[in-house]
N, C-alpha and C. Protein backbone atom coordinates (compact mmCIF):
# COMPACT_ATOMS: atom_id res chain seq x y z
N MET A 1 0.86 -1.18 0.00
CA MET A 1 0.00 0.00 0.00
C MET A 1 0.90 1.24 0.00
N SER A 2 0.59 2.17 -0.87
CA SER A 2 1.41 3.38 -0.95
C SER A 2 1.06 4.34 0.19
N ALA A 3 2.01 5.21 0.51
CA ALA A 3 1.78 6.20 1.56
C ALA A 3 0.63 7.12 1.18
N SER A 4 0.52 7.43 -0.08
CA SER A 4 -0.55 8.31 -0.55
C SER A 4 -1.93 7.68 -0.31
N LEU A 5 -2.04 6.39 -0.64
CA LEU A 5 -3.31 5.69 -0.42
C LEU A 5 -3.61 5.57 1.07
N LEU A 6 -2.61 5.28 1.87
CA LEU A 6 -2.80 5.20 3.32
C LEU A 6 -3.28 6.53 3.88
N TRP A 7 -2.70 7.63 3.42
CA TRP A 7 -3.14 8.95 3.86
C TRP A 7 -4.61 9.18 3.52
N GLU A 8 -4.98 8.84 2.29
CA GLU A 8 -6.38 9.03 1.87
C GLU A 8 -7.33 8.21 2.74
N ILE A 9 -6.98 6.97 2.99
CA ILE A 9 -7.82 6.11 3.83
C ILE A 9 -7.97 6.68 5.24
N LEU A 10 -6.84 7.08 5.82
CA LEU A 10 -6.88 7.65 7.17
C LEU A 10 -7.67 8.95 7.20
N PHE A 11 -7.40 9.84 6.25
CA PHE A 11 -8.04 11.15 6.24
C PHE A 11 -9.55 11.02 6.07
N TYR A 12 -9.98 10.26 5.05
CA TYR A 12 -11.43 10.15 4.82
C TYR A 12 -12.11 9.30 5.89
N GLY A 13 -11.40 8.32 6.42
CA GLY A 13 -11.94 7.55 7.56
C GLY A 13 -12.18 8.46 8.75
N TRP A 14 -11.21 9.35 9.01
CA TRP A 14 -11.38 10.31 10.10
C TRP A 14 -12.56 11.23 9.83
N CYS A 15 -12.66 11.74 8.59
CA CYS A 15 -13.79 12.63 8.25
C CYS A 15 -15.13 11.95 8.50
N PHE A 16 -15.27 10.72 8.04
CA PHE A 16 -16.53 9.99 8.26
C PHE A 16 -16.77 9.73 9.74
N SER A 17 -15.72 9.43 10.49
CA SER A 17 -15.90 9.19 11.92
C SER A 17 -16.34 10.47 12.63
N GLU A 18 -15.83 11.62 12.19
CA GLU A 18 -16.24 12.89 12.80
C GLU A 18 -17.70 13.22 12.47
N VAL A 19 -18.15 12.88 11.28
CA VAL A 19 -19.57 13.07 10.93
C VAL A 19 -20.42 12.17 11.81
N TYR A 20 -20.00 10.92 11.98
CA TYR A 20 -20.73 10.01 12.86
C TYR A 20 -20.79 10.55 14.29
N ILE A 21 -19.65 11.02 14.78
CA ILE A 21 -19.59 11.56 16.13
C ILE A 21 -20.53 12.76 16.26
N ALA A 22 -20.49 13.65 15.28
CA ALA A 22 -21.31 14.87 15.33
C ALA A 22 -22.81 14.56 15.29
N LEU A 23 -23.18 13.58 14.49
CA LEU A 23 -24.61 13.29 14.34
C LEU A 23 -25.09 12.19 15.27
N GLY A 24 -24.29 11.17 15.47
CA GLY A 24 -24.72 10.02 16.25
C GLY A 24 -24.45 10.12 17.73
N MET A 25 -23.55 11.00 18.12
CA MET A 25 -23.19 11.09 19.54
C MET A 25 -23.51 12.48 20.09
N ARG A 26 -24.51 13.07 19.55
CA ARG A 26 -24.93 14.40 19.96
C ARG A 26 -26.07 14.27 20.98
N THR A 27 -25.99 15.03 22.05
CA THR A 27 -27.05 15.02 23.05
C THR A 27 -28.17 15.95 22.59
N ARG A 28 -29.34 15.42 22.55
CA ARG A 28 -30.52 16.24 22.21
C ARG A 28 -30.96 16.98 23.48
N ASN A 29 -31.70 18.04 23.31
CA ASN A 29 -32.14 18.83 24.46
C ASN A 29 -32.92 18.00 25.47
N SER A 30 -33.63 16.97 25.00
CA SER A 30 -34.41 16.14 25.92
C SER A 30 -33.53 15.13 26.68
N GLY A 31 -32.29 14.90 26.20
CA GLY A 31 -31.44 13.88 26.80
C GLY A 31 -30.48 14.40 27.85
N GLY A 32 -30.37 15.70 27.99
CA GLY A 32 -29.42 16.24 28.95
C GLY A 32 -29.44 17.75 28.92
N ASN A 33 -28.62 18.34 29.75
CA ASN A 33 -28.53 19.78 29.84
C ASN A 33 -27.51 20.28 28.81
N THR A 34 -28.01 20.75 27.66
CA THR A 34 -27.16 21.19 26.56
C THR A 34 -26.68 22.62 26.80
N ARG A 35 -25.36 22.82 26.74
CA ARG A 35 -24.76 24.13 26.97
C ARG A 35 -23.71 24.45 25.91
N ASP A 36 -23.99 24.07 24.69
CA ASP A 36 -23.02 24.14 23.60
C ASP A 36 -22.67 25.56 23.16
N ARG A 37 -23.61 26.47 23.23
CA ARG A 37 -23.42 27.88 22.85
C ARG A 37 -22.92 28.04 21.41
N GLY A 38 -23.31 27.10 20.54
CA GLY A 38 -22.93 27.19 19.13
C GLY A 38 -21.52 26.75 18.82
N THR A 39 -20.82 26.15 19.79
CA THR A 39 -19.42 25.80 19.55
C THR A 39 -19.26 24.65 18.57
N GLN A 40 -20.23 23.73 18.52
CA GLN A 40 -20.11 22.63 17.58
C GLN A 40 -20.16 23.14 16.14
N LEU A 41 -21.10 24.01 15.84
CA LEU A 41 -21.19 24.60 14.50
C LEU A 41 -19.96 25.44 14.19
N LEU A 42 -19.53 26.25 15.13
CA LEU A 42 -18.34 27.06 14.94
C LEU A 42 -17.13 26.18 14.63
N LEU A 43 -16.98 25.11 15.38
CA LEU A 43 -15.86 24.20 15.19
C LEU A 43 -15.89 23.57 13.79
N TRP A 44 -17.06 23.12 13.37
CA TRP A 44 -17.19 22.53 12.03
C TRP A 44 -16.82 23.52 10.94
N ILE A 45 -17.27 24.74 11.06
CA ILE A 45 -16.97 25.77 10.05
C ILE A 45 -15.47 26.04 10.01
N VAL A 46 -14.87 26.24 11.17
CA VAL A 46 -13.43 26.53 11.24
C VAL A 46 -12.63 25.35 10.70
N ILE A 47 -12.98 24.15 11.09
CA ILE A 47 -12.25 22.97 10.62
C ILE A 47 -12.35 22.85 9.11
N PHE A 48 -13.55 22.98 8.57
CA PHE A 48 -13.74 22.84 7.12
C PHE A 48 -12.89 23.86 6.36
N PHE A 49 -13.01 25.13 6.72
CA PHE A 49 -12.29 26.16 5.98
C PHE A 49 -10.77 26.09 6.21
N SER A 50 -10.35 25.69 7.39
CA SER A 50 -8.92 25.57 7.66
C SER A 50 -8.30 24.44 6.84
N ILE A 51 -8.97 23.29 6.81
CA ILE A 51 -8.45 22.17 6.02
C ILE A 51 -8.50 22.50 4.54
N PHE A 52 -9.60 23.11 4.09
CA PHE A 52 -9.71 23.50 2.69
C PHE A 52 -8.58 24.45 2.31
N ALA A 53 -8.31 25.45 3.15
CA ALA A 53 -7.24 26.41 2.86
C ALA A 53 -5.87 25.73 2.85
N CYS A 54 -5.65 24.83 3.79
CA CYS A 54 -4.38 24.10 3.84
C CYS A 54 -4.19 23.27 2.57
N GLU A 55 -5.23 22.57 2.17
CA GLU A 55 -5.13 21.75 0.95
C GLU A 55 -4.92 22.61 -0.29
N TRP A 56 -5.57 23.76 -0.34
CA TRP A 56 -5.38 24.66 -1.47
C TRP A 56 -3.94 25.17 -1.52
N ILE A 57 -3.43 25.57 -0.37
CA ILE A 57 -2.03 26.05 -0.29
C ILE A 57 -1.08 24.93 -0.71
N SER A 58 -1.34 23.72 -0.22
CA SER A 58 -0.50 22.58 -0.55
C SER A 58 -0.49 22.30 -2.05
N GLY A 59 -1.65 22.45 -2.68
CA GLY A 59 -1.76 22.17 -4.11
C GLY A 59 -1.30 23.29 -5.01
N SER A 60 -1.30 24.51 -4.51
CA SER A 60 -0.99 25.65 -5.39
C SER A 60 0.33 26.34 -5.08
N HIS A 61 0.99 25.95 -4.01
CA HIS A 61 2.27 26.54 -3.63
C HIS A 61 3.32 25.45 -3.48
N ALA A 62 4.53 25.80 -3.74
CA ALA A 62 5.63 24.85 -3.59
C ALA A 62 5.83 24.51 -2.12
N PRO A 63 6.23 23.27 -1.84
CA PRO A 63 6.53 22.91 -0.44
C PRO A 63 7.65 23.79 0.12
N THR A 64 7.49 24.21 1.37
CA THR A 64 8.48 25.08 2.01
C THR A 64 9.11 24.47 3.25
N MET A 65 8.53 23.41 3.78
CA MET A 65 9.06 22.77 4.98
C MET A 65 10.27 21.91 4.64
N PHE A 66 11.40 22.24 5.22
CA PHE A 66 12.59 21.43 5.06
C PHE A 66 12.85 21.05 3.60
N GLY A 67 12.68 22.03 2.73
CA GLY A 67 12.92 21.82 1.31
C GLY A 67 11.89 20.91 0.65
N GLY A 68 10.75 20.75 1.27
CA GLY A 68 9.69 19.90 0.70
C GLY A 68 10.00 18.42 0.82
N ALA A 69 10.77 18.05 1.81
CA ALA A 69 11.20 16.66 1.98
C ALA A 69 10.01 15.70 1.98
N HIS A 70 10.15 14.61 1.23
CA HIS A 70 9.06 13.63 1.13
C HIS A 70 8.83 12.86 2.43
N TRP A 71 9.86 12.79 3.29
CA TRP A 71 9.68 12.09 4.56
C TRP A 71 8.62 12.78 5.43
N LEU A 72 8.30 14.05 5.12
CA LEU A 72 7.26 14.76 5.88
C LEU A 72 5.90 14.09 5.69
N LYS A 73 5.64 13.54 4.51
CA LYS A 73 4.37 12.87 4.28
C LYS A 73 4.24 11.64 5.18
N THR A 74 5.32 10.88 5.31
CA THR A 74 5.32 9.71 6.20
C THR A 74 5.18 10.17 7.65
N CYS A 75 5.88 11.22 8.01
CA CYS A 75 5.78 11.78 9.35
C CYS A 75 4.34 12.22 9.63
N GLY A 76 3.70 12.84 8.64
CA GLY A 76 2.31 13.26 8.78
C GLY A 76 1.39 12.08 9.04
N ILE A 77 1.64 10.96 8.38
CA ILE A 77 0.82 9.76 8.58
C ILE A 77 0.99 9.23 10.01
N VAL A 78 2.21 9.17 10.48
CA VAL A 78 2.47 8.68 11.85
C VAL A 78 1.80 9.59 12.88
N VAL A 79 1.95 10.89 12.71
CA VAL A 79 1.33 11.85 13.64
C VAL A 79 -0.18 11.75 13.58
N PHE A 80 -0.73 11.56 12.38
CA PHE A 80 -2.18 11.41 12.20
C PHE A 80 -2.68 10.19 12.98
N ILE A 81 -1.99 9.07 12.86
CA ILE A 81 -2.40 7.85 13.56
C ILE A 81 -2.36 8.06 15.08
N ILE A 82 -1.35 8.76 15.57
CA ILE A 82 -1.26 9.06 17.00
C ILE A 82 -2.46 9.92 17.43
N GLY A 83 -2.77 10.94 16.65
CA GLY A 83 -3.91 11.80 16.96
C GLY A 83 -5.22 11.04 16.96
N LEU A 84 -5.42 10.17 15.95
CA LEU A 84 -6.63 9.35 15.89
C LEU A 84 -6.75 8.45 17.11
N ALA A 85 -5.65 7.82 17.46
CA ALA A 85 -5.66 6.91 18.61
C ALA A 85 -6.04 7.65 19.89
N ILE A 86 -5.44 8.80 20.11
CA ILE A 86 -5.75 9.58 21.31
C ILE A 86 -7.21 10.00 21.31
N ARG A 87 -7.70 10.50 20.19
CA ARG A 87 -9.09 10.96 20.11
C ARG A 87 -10.07 9.82 20.36
N TRP A 88 -9.88 8.71 19.68
CA TRP A 88 -10.83 7.60 19.80
C TRP A 88 -10.76 6.94 21.18
N ILE A 89 -9.58 6.81 21.73
CA ILE A 89 -9.47 6.23 23.08
C ILE A 89 -10.17 7.14 24.09
N ALA A 90 -9.99 8.45 23.95
CA ALA A 90 -10.65 9.40 24.87
C ALA A 90 -12.17 9.30 24.77
N ILE A 91 -12.68 9.22 23.55
CA ILE A 91 -14.13 9.14 23.35
C ILE A 91 -14.68 7.82 23.88
N LEU A 92 -14.01 6.73 23.55
CA LEU A 92 -14.47 5.42 24.01
C LEU A 92 -14.37 5.28 25.53
N SER A 93 -13.38 5.93 26.14
CA SER A 93 -13.24 5.89 27.60
C SER A 93 -14.44 6.50 28.30
N LEU A 94 -14.97 7.57 27.73
CA LEU A 94 -16.12 8.24 28.35
C LEU A 94 -17.43 7.48 28.13
N GLY A 95 -17.49 6.68 27.09
CA GLY A 95 -18.70 5.91 26.82
C GLY A 95 -19.90 6.80 26.59
N LYS A 96 -20.98 6.51 27.30
CA LYS A 96 -22.23 7.26 27.12
C LYS A 96 -22.16 8.68 27.65
N SER A 97 -21.14 8.99 28.43
CA SER A 97 -20.98 10.35 28.94
C SER A 97 -20.44 11.29 27.87
N PHE A 98 -19.86 10.73 26.78
CA PHE A 98 -19.34 11.57 25.72
C PHE A 98 -20.49 12.13 24.89
N SER A 99 -20.38 13.41 24.54
CA SER A 99 -21.36 14.05 23.67
C SER A 99 -20.62 14.96 22.70
N ALA A 100 -21.06 14.96 21.45
CA ALA A 100 -20.42 15.80 20.44
C ALA A 100 -20.64 17.29 20.72
N ASN A 101 -21.76 17.59 21.33
CA ASN A 101 -22.00 18.98 21.74
C ASN A 101 -21.78 19.07 23.25
N VAL A 102 -21.60 20.27 23.73
CA VAL A 102 -21.37 20.45 25.17
C VAL A 102 -22.69 20.22 25.88
N ALA A 103 -22.76 19.10 26.60
CA ALA A 103 -23.99 18.73 27.30
C ALA A 103 -23.63 17.89 28.52
N ILE A 104 -24.42 18.04 29.55
CA ILE A 104 -24.25 17.26 30.77
C ILE A 104 -25.41 16.29 30.87
N GLN A 105 -25.09 14.99 30.96
CA GLN A 105 -26.10 13.95 31.10
C GLN A 105 -26.58 13.90 32.55
N PRO A 106 -27.83 13.56 32.79
CA PRO A 106 -28.34 13.50 34.16
C PRO A 106 -27.55 12.54 35.06
N SER A 107 -27.09 11.43 34.52
CA SER A 107 -26.37 10.44 35.33
C SER A 107 -24.85 10.58 35.23
N GLN A 108 -24.38 11.62 34.59
CA GLN A 108 -22.95 11.79 34.33
C GLN A 108 -22.16 12.08 35.60
N THR A 109 -20.95 11.53 35.64
CA THR A 109 -20.00 11.83 36.71
C THR A 109 -18.69 12.23 36.04
N ILE A 110 -17.74 12.68 36.84
CA ILE A 110 -16.43 13.05 36.30
C ILE A 110 -15.59 11.80 36.19
N TYR A 111 -15.17 11.50 34.98
CA TYR A 111 -14.33 10.32 34.72
C TYR A 111 -12.87 10.71 34.93
N ARG A 112 -12.15 9.94 35.72
CA ARG A 112 -10.76 10.26 36.05
C ARG A 112 -9.78 9.15 35.64
N GLY A 113 -10.21 8.22 34.83
CA GLY A 113 -9.35 7.12 34.42
C GLY A 113 -8.63 7.40 33.11
N GLY A 114 -7.77 6.47 32.73
CA GLY A 114 -7.05 6.58 31.45
C GLY A 114 -6.32 7.90 31.30
N MET A 115 -6.42 8.49 30.13
CA MET A 115 -5.77 9.77 29.86
C MET A 115 -6.34 10.91 30.69
N TYR A 116 -7.57 10.72 31.17
CA TYR A 116 -8.22 11.76 31.96
C TYR A 116 -7.58 11.93 33.33
N ARG A 117 -6.65 11.05 33.68
CA ARG A 117 -5.89 11.23 34.93
C ARG A 117 -4.94 12.41 34.81
N TRP A 118 -4.48 12.69 33.59
CA TRP A 118 -3.47 13.73 33.37
C TRP A 118 -4.02 14.97 32.68
N ILE A 119 -4.96 14.79 31.77
CA ILE A 119 -5.53 15.95 31.07
C ILE A 119 -7.05 15.85 31.02
N ARG A 120 -7.69 17.00 31.00
CA ARG A 120 -9.15 17.05 31.04
C ARG A 120 -9.80 16.91 29.67
N HIS A 121 -9.06 17.18 28.60
CA HIS A 121 -9.66 17.17 27.27
C HIS A 121 -8.81 16.41 26.25
N PRO A 122 -8.58 15.11 26.49
CA PRO A 122 -7.73 14.37 25.56
C PRO A 122 -8.31 14.22 24.16
N SER A 123 -9.63 14.23 24.02
CA SER A 123 -10.19 14.11 22.66
C SER A 123 -9.84 15.35 21.84
N TYR A 124 -9.78 16.52 22.48
CA TYR A 124 -9.38 17.73 21.76
C TYR A 124 -7.88 17.72 21.47
N LEU A 125 -7.10 17.16 22.37
CA LEU A 125 -5.67 17.00 22.09
C LEU A 125 -5.49 16.12 20.85
N GLY A 126 -6.25 15.04 20.77
CA GLY A 126 -6.19 14.18 19.59
C GLY A 126 -6.53 14.94 18.32
N MET A 127 -7.55 15.78 18.39
CA MET A 127 -7.91 16.60 17.22
C MET A 127 -6.78 17.54 16.83
N LEU A 128 -6.19 18.20 17.81
CA LEU A 128 -5.09 19.12 17.51
C LEU A 128 -3.91 18.39 16.87
N ILE A 129 -3.64 17.18 17.33
CA ILE A 129 -2.57 16.39 16.73
C ILE A 129 -2.93 16.03 15.29
N ILE A 130 -4.18 15.74 15.03
CA ILE A 130 -4.63 15.46 13.66
C ILE A 130 -4.42 16.69 12.78
N PHE A 131 -4.76 17.88 13.28
CA PHE A 131 -4.55 19.09 12.48
C PHE A 131 -3.06 19.34 12.24
N LEU A 132 -2.25 19.06 13.24
CA LEU A 132 -0.80 19.15 13.08
C LEU A 132 -0.34 18.22 11.95
N ALA A 133 -0.87 16.99 11.96
CA ALA A 133 -0.52 16.02 10.92
C ALA A 133 -0.91 16.50 9.53
N ILE A 134 -2.08 17.11 9.43
CA ILE A 134 -2.53 17.63 8.14
C ILE A 134 -1.58 18.72 7.66
N GLY A 135 -1.17 19.58 8.57
CA GLY A 135 -0.23 20.64 8.22
C GLY A 135 1.13 20.09 7.83
N ILE A 136 1.62 19.09 8.55
CA ILE A 136 2.90 18.47 8.21
C ILE A 136 2.79 17.81 6.84
N HIS A 137 1.69 17.12 6.60
CA HIS A 137 1.50 16.43 5.33
C HIS A 137 1.48 17.40 4.15
N SER A 138 1.06 18.64 4.39
CA SER A 138 1.04 19.64 3.31
C SER A 138 2.45 20.06 2.89
N ARG A 139 3.41 19.86 3.80
CA ARG A 139 4.82 20.22 3.57
C ARG A 139 5.00 21.71 3.30
N ASN A 140 4.09 22.51 3.83
CA ASN A 140 4.14 23.95 3.61
C ASN A 140 3.89 24.65 4.94
N TRP A 141 4.79 25.56 5.34
CA TRP A 141 4.65 26.26 6.61
C TRP A 141 3.35 27.04 6.68
N LEU A 142 2.99 27.72 5.60
CA LEU A 142 1.73 28.48 5.59
C LEU A 142 0.54 27.54 5.76
N GLY A 143 0.59 26.39 5.08
CA GLY A 143 -0.48 25.40 5.23
C GLY A 143 -0.59 24.91 6.67
N LEU A 144 0.55 24.69 7.31
CA LEU A 144 0.56 24.27 8.71
C LEU A 144 -0.11 25.32 9.59
N PHE A 145 0.27 26.57 9.42
CA PHE A 145 -0.30 27.65 10.25
C PHE A 145 -1.79 27.83 9.99
N VAL A 146 -2.19 27.73 8.72
CA VAL A 146 -3.60 27.94 8.36
C VAL A 146 -4.50 26.84 8.93
N VAL A 147 -3.98 25.62 9.02
CA VAL A 147 -4.80 24.55 9.56
C VAL A 147 -4.71 24.47 11.08
N LEU A 148 -3.61 24.88 11.66
CA LEU A 148 -3.41 24.69 13.09
C LEU A 148 -3.89 25.87 13.95
N ILE A 149 -3.64 27.08 13.53
CA ILE A 149 -3.97 28.23 14.38
C ILE A 149 -5.48 28.44 14.54
N PRO A 150 -6.27 28.53 13.45
CA PRO A 150 -7.71 28.74 13.65
C PRO A 150 -8.39 27.59 14.40
N THR A 151 -7.99 26.36 14.11
CA THR A 151 -8.62 25.23 14.80
C THR A 151 -8.25 25.21 16.28
N THR A 152 -7.01 25.57 16.58
CA THR A 152 -6.60 25.64 17.99
C THR A 152 -7.41 26.70 18.74
N LEU A 153 -7.57 27.87 18.12
CA LEU A 153 -8.35 28.93 18.76
C LEU A 153 -9.80 28.51 18.96
N ALA A 154 -10.39 27.84 17.96
CA ALA A 154 -11.78 27.38 18.09
C ALA A 154 -11.89 26.32 19.19
N LEU A 155 -10.93 25.42 19.26
CA LEU A 155 -10.96 24.39 20.31
C LEU A 155 -10.75 25.00 21.70
N LEU A 156 -9.89 25.99 21.80
CA LEU A 156 -9.70 26.65 23.10
C LEU A 156 -10.98 27.34 23.56
N TYR A 157 -11.70 27.94 22.62
CA TYR A 157 -12.99 28.55 22.97
C TYR A 157 -13.98 27.48 23.43
N ARG A 158 -14.02 26.37 22.71
CA ARG A 158 -14.93 25.28 23.08
C ARG A 158 -14.56 24.72 24.46
N ILE A 159 -13.28 24.57 24.73
CA ILE A 159 -12.84 24.10 26.05
C ILE A 159 -13.32 25.06 27.13
N HIS A 160 -13.22 26.35 26.86
CA HIS A 160 -13.69 27.37 27.81
C HIS A 160 -15.19 27.18 28.10
N VAL A 161 -15.98 27.02 27.05
CA VAL A 161 -17.43 26.83 27.21
C VAL A 161 -17.71 25.52 27.96
N GLU A 162 -16.99 24.47 27.61
CA GLU A 162 -17.20 23.18 28.26
C GLU A 162 -16.83 23.23 29.74
N GLU A 163 -15.77 23.92 30.06
CA GLU A 163 -15.37 23.98 31.47
C GLU A 163 -16.35 24.81 32.29
N ILE A 164 -16.94 25.83 31.71
CA ILE A 164 -18.00 26.58 32.41
C ILE A 164 -19.16 25.65 32.73
N ALA A 165 -19.56 24.84 31.73
CA ALA A 165 -20.67 23.90 31.93
C ALA A 165 -20.33 22.85 33.00
N LEU A 166 -19.12 22.33 32.95
CA LEU A 166 -18.71 21.31 33.93
C LEU A 166 -18.59 21.89 35.34
N ASN A 167 -18.05 23.09 35.44
CA ASN A 167 -17.99 23.75 36.75
C ASN A 167 -19.38 24.01 37.30
N SER A 168 -20.28 24.42 36.44
CA SER A 168 -21.65 24.69 36.87
C SER A 168 -22.35 23.40 37.33
N ALA A 169 -22.11 22.31 36.61
CA ALA A 169 -22.79 21.05 36.93
C ALA A 169 -22.18 20.33 38.12
N PHE A 170 -20.86 20.38 38.27
CA PHE A 170 -20.19 19.57 39.28
C PHE A 170 -19.53 20.36 40.40
N GLY A 171 -19.49 21.67 40.26
CA GLY A 171 -18.99 22.53 41.33
C GLY A 171 -17.62 22.17 41.85
N GLU A 172 -17.52 21.97 43.16
CA GLU A 172 -16.24 21.74 43.82
C GLU A 172 -15.57 20.45 43.33
N THR A 173 -16.35 19.46 42.96
CA THR A 173 -15.78 18.21 42.46
C THR A 173 -14.97 18.46 41.20
N TYR A 174 -15.52 19.27 40.28
CA TYR A 174 -14.78 19.57 39.05
C TYR A 174 -13.62 20.52 39.34
N ALA A 175 -13.82 21.46 40.24
CA ALA A 175 -12.73 22.38 40.60
C ALA A 175 -11.56 21.60 41.18
N SER A 176 -11.84 20.61 42.01
CA SER A 176 -10.79 19.78 42.59
C SER A 176 -10.08 18.97 41.50
N TYR A 177 -10.84 18.40 40.60
CA TYR A 177 -10.27 17.65 39.47
C TYR A 177 -9.39 18.56 38.61
N SER A 178 -9.82 19.79 38.40
CA SER A 178 -9.07 20.75 37.59
C SER A 178 -7.72 21.10 38.22
N LYS A 179 -7.67 21.07 39.54
CA LYS A 179 -6.41 21.39 40.23
C LYS A 179 -5.36 20.30 40.06
N THR A 180 -5.79 19.09 39.79
CA THR A 180 -4.85 17.97 39.69
C THR A 180 -4.55 17.55 38.25
N THR A 181 -5.18 18.20 37.28
CA THR A 181 -4.97 17.86 35.86
C THR A 181 -4.75 19.12 35.04
N ARG A 182 -4.26 18.96 33.85
CA ARG A 182 -4.09 20.06 32.89
C ARG A 182 -5.18 19.97 31.83
N ARG A 183 -5.36 21.05 31.11
CA ARG A 183 -6.40 21.05 30.06
C ARG A 183 -6.04 20.15 28.89
N LEU A 184 -4.89 20.39 28.28
CA LEU A 184 -4.54 19.68 27.04
C LEU A 184 -3.20 18.96 27.05
N LEU A 185 -2.22 19.51 27.71
CA LEU A 185 -0.87 18.95 27.68
C LEU A 185 -0.43 18.59 29.09
N PRO A 186 -0.16 17.32 29.35
CA PRO A 186 0.27 16.93 30.70
C PRO A 186 1.44 17.79 31.18
N PHE A 187 1.34 18.27 32.39
CA PHE A 187 2.37 19.05 33.08
C PHE A 187 2.57 20.47 32.51
N LEU A 188 1.90 20.84 31.41
CA LEU A 188 2.14 22.14 30.80
C LEU A 188 0.91 23.04 30.79
N TYR A 189 -0.17 22.59 30.12
CA TYR A 189 -1.35 23.44 29.96
C TYR A 189 -2.61 22.60 30.06
């Protein structure tokens, strides 16, 4: 299997999985306390246009990263797989407590196992790693910045909204959990 075909399979598989997550794992207003504040739609718009812009830059501009080295495409695939693994493990760890939109389930508790022992939002870390991989795969610095910066800002806003909802729902329990974990990067942020 060629690296190009593997990239296509991974990329489109991820796209379809995100559509499934957005539609199939979304909490309806009757199923829980929804506090999304439009962040799911905002995230989709930012992701779509950022990836589109990165792909356009990649196709219309010469590679600028490390002289356009072809090993960057392989590196992008490896980073993509790492991001997918982190995202899917984080989602599967939460089980029914996971929701594509910011929502609190009536029976939900704070999960502290797996990656959630160290960071509060590992599924978003997985997404950021995927965007990093897309930028690396473009082999263009501008493509990397265009795909990584807007999506990071949108995810940081969503994390802010989600943490307000979690603090409101769980109070001191979530505040205590927040003191012992980081948002996205263990030991850093």
